[in-house]
């Protein structure tokens, strides 16, 4: 072992901030803020090549959108692989604490085999929601 140890700063891609609890105790948390900023920036760079933009949204999915009824064109093979990679990133974000996107990600994960253009746009909407709301932390009660 090295000389002593320090407070952890990252864990599995997320930051480990500390917060003051109700009785003044130190609470640890998980925050995916930096990871989201990096992913959103990389996605926006890739979308520029297609002259597409990532618009900020107030919710991860439109309440009137039903992916099971989506009849838009199937994605090309390359775009389907990209869709699958984006779903993988979103699943990881759920694992490290972004529970607010869990339902939307789970629903769209059902279409990994044959995603459509509408499914792809729904995934971009989730990233637009994350762009608008990158700071969200889980705080653990020390008891």
C-alpha atoms as a PDB file:
ATOM      1  CA  UNK A   1       0.000   0.000   0.000  1.00  0.00           C
ATOM      2  CA  UNK A   2       1.012   3.554  -0.505  1.00  0.00           C
ATOM      3  CA  UNK A   3       1.502   6.004   2.340  1.00  0.00           C
ATOM      4  CA  UNK A   4      -1.946   6.274   3.919  1.00  0.00           C
ATOM      5  CA  UNK A   5      -5.083   7.011   1.954  1.00  0.00           C
ATOM      6  CA  UNK A   6      -7.080  10.006   0.841  1.00  0.00           C
ATOM      7  CA  UNK A   7     -10.774  10.644   0.497  1.00  0.00           C
ATOM      8  CA  UNK A   8     -11.931   9.103  -2.800  1.00  0.00           C
ATOM      9  CA  UNK A   9     -12.653  11.595  -5.561  1.00  0.00           C
ATOM     10  CA  UNK A  10     -13.993   9.277  -8.263  1.00  0.00           C
ATOM     11  CA  UNK A  11     -15.700   5.906  -8.334  1.00  0.00           C
ATOM     12  CA  UNK A  12     -16.532   4.096 -11.591  1.00  0.00           C
ATOM     13  CA  UNK A  13     -16.602   7.322 -13.601  1.00  0.00           C
ATOM     14  CA  UNK A  14     -18.587   9.397 -11.141  1.00  0.00           C
ATOM     15  CA  UNK A  15     -17.372  12.000  -8.688  1.00  0.00           C
ATOM     16  CA  UNK A  16     -17.622  11.338  -4.953  1.00  0.00           C
ATOM     17  CA  UNK A  17     -18.605  14.642  -3.316  1.00  0.00           C
ATOM     18  CA  UNK A  18     -19.189  15.061   0.400  1.00  0.00           C
ATOM     19  CA  UNK A  19     -22.162  16.820   1.954  1.00  0.00           C
ATOM     20  CA  UNK A  20     -23.062  17.866   5.468  1.00  0.00           C
ATOM     21  CA  UNK A  21     -25.853  15.707   6.896  1.00  0.00           C
ATOM     22  CA  UNK A  22     -28.767  16.701   9.099  1.00  0.00           C
ATOM     23  CA  UNK A  23     -26.847  16.197  12.347  1.00  0.00           C
ATOM     24  CA  UNK A  24     -23.646  17.730  11.002  1.00  0.00           C
ATOM     25  CA  UNK A  25     -22.111  14.389   9.981  1.00  0.00           C
ATOM     26  CA  UNK A  26     -20.287  13.961   6.677  1.00  0.00           C
ATOM     27  CA  UNK A  27     -22.271  12.199   3.966  1.00  0.00           C
ATOM     28  CA  UNK A  28     -20.834  10.875   0.733  1.00  0.00           C
ATOM     29  CA  UNK A  29     -22.559  11.010  -2.587  1.00  0.00           C
ATOM     30  CA  UNK A  30     -22.241  10.050  -6.237  1.00  0.00           C
ATOM     31  CA  UNK A  31     -22.400  12.649  -8.995  1.00  0.00           C
ATOM     32  CA  UNK A  32     -22.192  11.979 -12.727  1.00  0.00           C
ATOM     33  CA  UNK A  33     -21.867  15.690 -13.602  1.00  0.00           C
ATOM     34  CA  UNK A  34     -18.405  15.554 -15.252  1.00  0.00           C
ATOM     35  CA  UNK A  35     -19.192  12.318 -17.086  1.00  0.00           C
ATOM     36  CA  UNK A  36     -22.404  13.819 -18.495  1.00  0.00           C
ATOM     37  CA  UNK A  37     -20.640  17.000 -19.624  1.00  0.00           C
ATOM     38  CA  UNK A  38     -17.976  14.947 -21.418  1.00  0.00           C
ATOM     39  CA  UNK A  39     -20.498  12.628 -23.082  1.00  0.00           C
ATOM     40  CA  UNK A  40     -22.767  15.497 -24.152  1.00  0.00           C
ATOM     41  CA  UNK A  41     -19.813  17.418 -25.640  1.00  0.00           C
ATOM     42  CA  UNK A  42     -18.634  14.354 -27.580  1.00  0.00           C
ATOM     43  CA  UNK A  43     -22.163  13.664 -28.834  1.00  0.00           C
ATOM     44  CA  UNK A  44     -22.623  17.278 -29.946  1.00  0.00           C
ATOM     45  CA  UNK A  45     -19.339  17.105 -31.872  1.00  0.00           C
ATOM     46  CA  UNK A  46     -20.507  13.985 -33.681  1.00  0.00           C
ATOM     47  CA  UNK A  47     -23.924  15.495 -34.410  1.00  0.00           C
ATOM     48  CA  UNK A  48     -22.289  18.568 -35.997  1.00  0.00           C
ATOM     49  CA  UNK A  49     -21.126  16.373 -38.879  1.00  0.00           C
ATOM     50  CA  UNK A  50     -24.789  15.630 -39.619  1.00  0.00           C
ATOM     51  CA  UNK A  51     -25.900  19.228 -39.057  1.00  0.00           C
ATOM     52  CA  UNK A  52     -27.940  18.089 -36.081  1.00  0.00           C
ATOM     53  CA  UNK A  53     -28.165  19.714 -32.658  1.00  0.00           C
ATOM     54  CA  UNK A  54     -28.825  18.550 -29.132  1.00  0.00           C
ATOM     55  CA  UNK A  55     -31.684  20.636 -27.780  1.00  0.00           C
ATOM     56  CA  UNK A  56     -32.154  20.971 -23.998  1.00  0.00           C
ATOM     57  CA  UNK A  57     -35.391  19.347 -22.784  1.00  0.00           C
ATOM     58  CA  UNK A  58     -37.261  19.517 -19.490  1.00  0.00           C
ATOM     59  CA  UNK A  59     -38.145  15.805 -19.483  1.00  0.00           C
ATOM     60  CA  UNK A  60     -36.293  12.720 -20.716  1.00  0.00           C
ATOM     61  CA  UNK A  61     -39.162  11.585 -22.945  1.00  0.00           C
ATOM     62  CA  UNK A  62     -42.187  13.233 -24.517  1.00  0.00           C
ATOM     63  CA  UNK A  63     -45.282  11.984 -22.705  1.00  0.00           C
ATOM     64  CA  UNK A  64     -47.104  11.538 -26.030  1.00  0.00           C
ATOM     65  CA  UNK A  65     -44.339   9.432 -27.612  1.00  0.00           C
ATOM     66  CA  UNK A  66     -44.992   5.696 -27.747  1.00  0.00           C
ATOM     67  CA  UNK A  67     -41.938   3.849 -29.120  1.00  0.00           C
ATOM     68  CA  UNK A  68     -43.959   0.693 -29.711  1.00  0.00           C
ATOM     69  CA  UNK A  69     -46.076   2.607 -32.231  1.00  0.00           C
ATOM     70  CA  UNK A  70     -43.122   4.239 -34.008  1.00  0.00           C
ATOM     71  CA  UNK A  71     -43.377   3.479 -37.732  1.00  0.00           C
ATOM     72  CA  UNK A  72     -40.424   5.577 -38.897  1.00  0.00           C
ATOM     73  CA  UNK A  73     -37.686   4.103 -41.083  1.00  0.00           C
ATOM     74  CA  UNK A  74     -35.260   1.588 -39.582  1.00  0.00           C
ATOM     75  CA  UNK A  75     -31.769   2.953 -38.954  1.00  0.00           C
ATOM     76  CA  UNK A  76     -28.861   2.030 -41.191  1.00  0.00           C
ATOM     77  CA  UNK A  77     -26.450  -0.562 -39.807  1.00  0.00           C
ATOM     78  CA  UNK A  78     -23.941   2.104 -38.721  1.00  0.00           C
ATOM     79  CA  UNK A  79     -26.610   4.238 -37.078  1.00  0.00           C
ATOM     80  CA  UNK A  80     -28.074   1.183 -35.328  1.00  0.00           C
ATOM     81  CA  UNK A  81     -24.643   0.484 -33.816  1.00  0.00           C
ATOM     82  CA  UNK A  82     -24.439   4.134 -32.740  1.00  0.00           C
ATOM     83  CA  UNK A  83     -27.922   3.854 -31.187  1.00  0.00           C
ATOM     84  CA  UNK A  84     -26.781   0.763 -29.266  1.00  0.00           C
ATOM     85  CA  UNK A  85     -23.676   2.584 -28.016  1.00  0.00           C
ATOM     86  CA  UNK A  86     -25.771   5.547 -26.837  1.00  0.00           C
ATOM     87  CA  UNK A  87     -28.135   3.202 -24.991  1.00  0.00           C
ATOM     88  CA  UNK A  88     -25.065   1.635 -23.340  1.00  0.00           C
ATOM     89  CA  UNK A  89     -23.914   5.067 -22.156  1.00  0.00           C
ATOM     90  CA  UNK A  90     -27.381   5.836 -20.809  1.00  0.00           C
ATOM     91  CA  UNK A  91     -27.557   2.483 -19.022  1.00  0.00           C
ATOM     92  CA  UNK A  92     -24.238   3.274 -17.360  1.00  0.00           C
ATOM     93  CA  UNK A  93     -25.561   6.659 -16.254  1.00  0.00           C
ATOM     94  CA  UNK A  94     -28.503   4.900 -14.606  1.00  0.00           C
ATOM     95  CA  UNK A  95     -26.048   2.573 -12.843  1.00  0.00           C
ATOM     96  CA  UNK A  96     -24.067   5.476 -11.410  1.00  0.00           C
ATOM     97  CA  UNK A  97     -27.097   7.278 -10.090  1.00  0.00           C
ATOM     98  CA  UNK A  98     -29.173   8.973 -12.786  1.00  0.00           C
ATOM     99  CA  UNK A  99     -32.380   7.252 -11.758  1.00  0.00           C
ATOM    100  CA  UNK A 100     -34.465  10.009 -13.338  1.00  0.00           C
ATOM    101  CA  UNK A 101     -33.808   8.578 -16.822  1.00  0.00           C
ATOM    102  CA  UNK A 102     -34.251   4.931 -15.860  1.00  0.00           C
ATOM    103  CA  UNK A 103     -37.755   4.402 -17.289  1.00  0.00           C
ATOM    104  CA  UNK A 104     -36.977   6.073 -20.606  1.00  0.00           C
ATOM    105  CA  UNK A 105     -33.722   4.162 -21.040  1.00  0.00           C
ATOM    106  CA  UNK A 106     -35.346   0.838 -20.173  1.00  0.00           C
ATOM    107  CA  UNK A 107     -38.170   1.465 -22.614  1.00  0.00           C
ATOM    108  CA  UNK A 108     -35.843   2.370 -25.495  1.00  0.00           C
ATOM    109  CA  UNK A 109     -33.510  -0.538 -24.677  1.00  0.00           C
ATOM    110  CA  UNK A 110     -36.246  -2.824 -25.967  1.00  0.00           C
ATOM    111  CA  UNK A 111     -35.469  -1.633 -29.502  1.00  0.00           C
ATOM    112  CA  UNK A 112     -31.747  -2.447 -29.655  1.00  0.00           C
ATOM    113  CA  UNK A 113     -32.233  -5.060 -32.390  1.00  0.00           C
ATOM    114  CA  UNK A 114     -34.103  -2.906 -34.909  1.00  0.00           C
ATOM    115  CA  UNK A 115     -34.166   0.757 -33.871  1.00  0.00           C
ATOM    116  CA  UNK A 116     -35.942   3.342 -35.987  1.00  0.00           C
ATOM    117  CA  UNK A 117     -35.250   7.003 -36.638  1.00  0.00           C
ATOM    118  CA  UNK A 118     -37.899   7.876 -34.048  1.00  0.00           C
ATOM    119  CA  UNK A 119     -36.155   5.754 -31.419  1.00  0.00           C
ATOM    120  CA  UNK A 120     -32.873   7.486 -32.238  1.00  0.00           C
ATOM    121  CA  UNK A 121     -34.476  10.907 -31.821  1.00  0.00           C
ATOM    122  CA  UNK A 122     -35.946   9.778 -28.487  1.00  0.00           C
ATOM    123  CA  UNK A 123     -32.434   8.835 -27.304  1.00  0.00           C
ATOM    124  CA  UNK A 124     -31.171  12.261 -28.388  1.00  0.00           C
ATOM    125  CA  UNK A 125     -33.986  13.817 -26.351  1.00  0.00           C
ATOM    126  CA  UNK A 126     -32.707  11.995 -23.245  1.00  0.00           C
ATOM    127  CA  UNK A 127     -29.250  13.449 -23.871  1.00  0.00           C
ATOM    128  CA  UNK A 128     -30.884  16.864 -24.351  1.00  0.00           C
ATOM    129  CA  UNK A 129     -32.511  16.418 -20.949  1.00  0.00           C
ATOM    130  CA  UNK A 130     -29.126  15.521 -19.447  1.00  0.00           C
ATOM    131  CA  UNK A 131     -27.591  18.568 -21.131  1.00  0.00           C
ATOM    132  CA  UNK A 132     -30.177  20.765 -19.407  1.00  0.00           C
ATOM    133  CA  UNK A 133     -29.899  18.895 -16.069  1.00  0.00           C
ATOM    134  CA  UNK A 134     -26.310  17.661 -15.658  1.00  0.00           C
ATOM    135  CA  UNK A 135     -26.112  18.120 -11.885  1.00  0.00           C
ATOM    136  CA  UNK A 136     -27.927  15.463  -9.955  1.00  0.00           C
ATOM    137  CA  UNK A 137     -26.389  13.608  -7.021  1.00  0.00           C
ATOM    138  CA  UNK A 138     -27.223  10.659  -4.852  1.00  0.00           C
ATOM    139  CA  UNK A 139     -26.414  11.304  -1.216  1.00  0.00           C
ATOM    140  CA  UNK A 140     -25.909   8.404   1.176  1.00  0.00           C
ATOM    141  CA  UNK A 141     -27.044   8.627   4.785  1.00  0.00           C
ATOM    142  CA  UNK A 142     -24.113   7.593   7.001  1.00  0.00           C
ATOM    143  CA  UNK A 143     -26.390   5.602   9.301  1.00  0.00           C
END
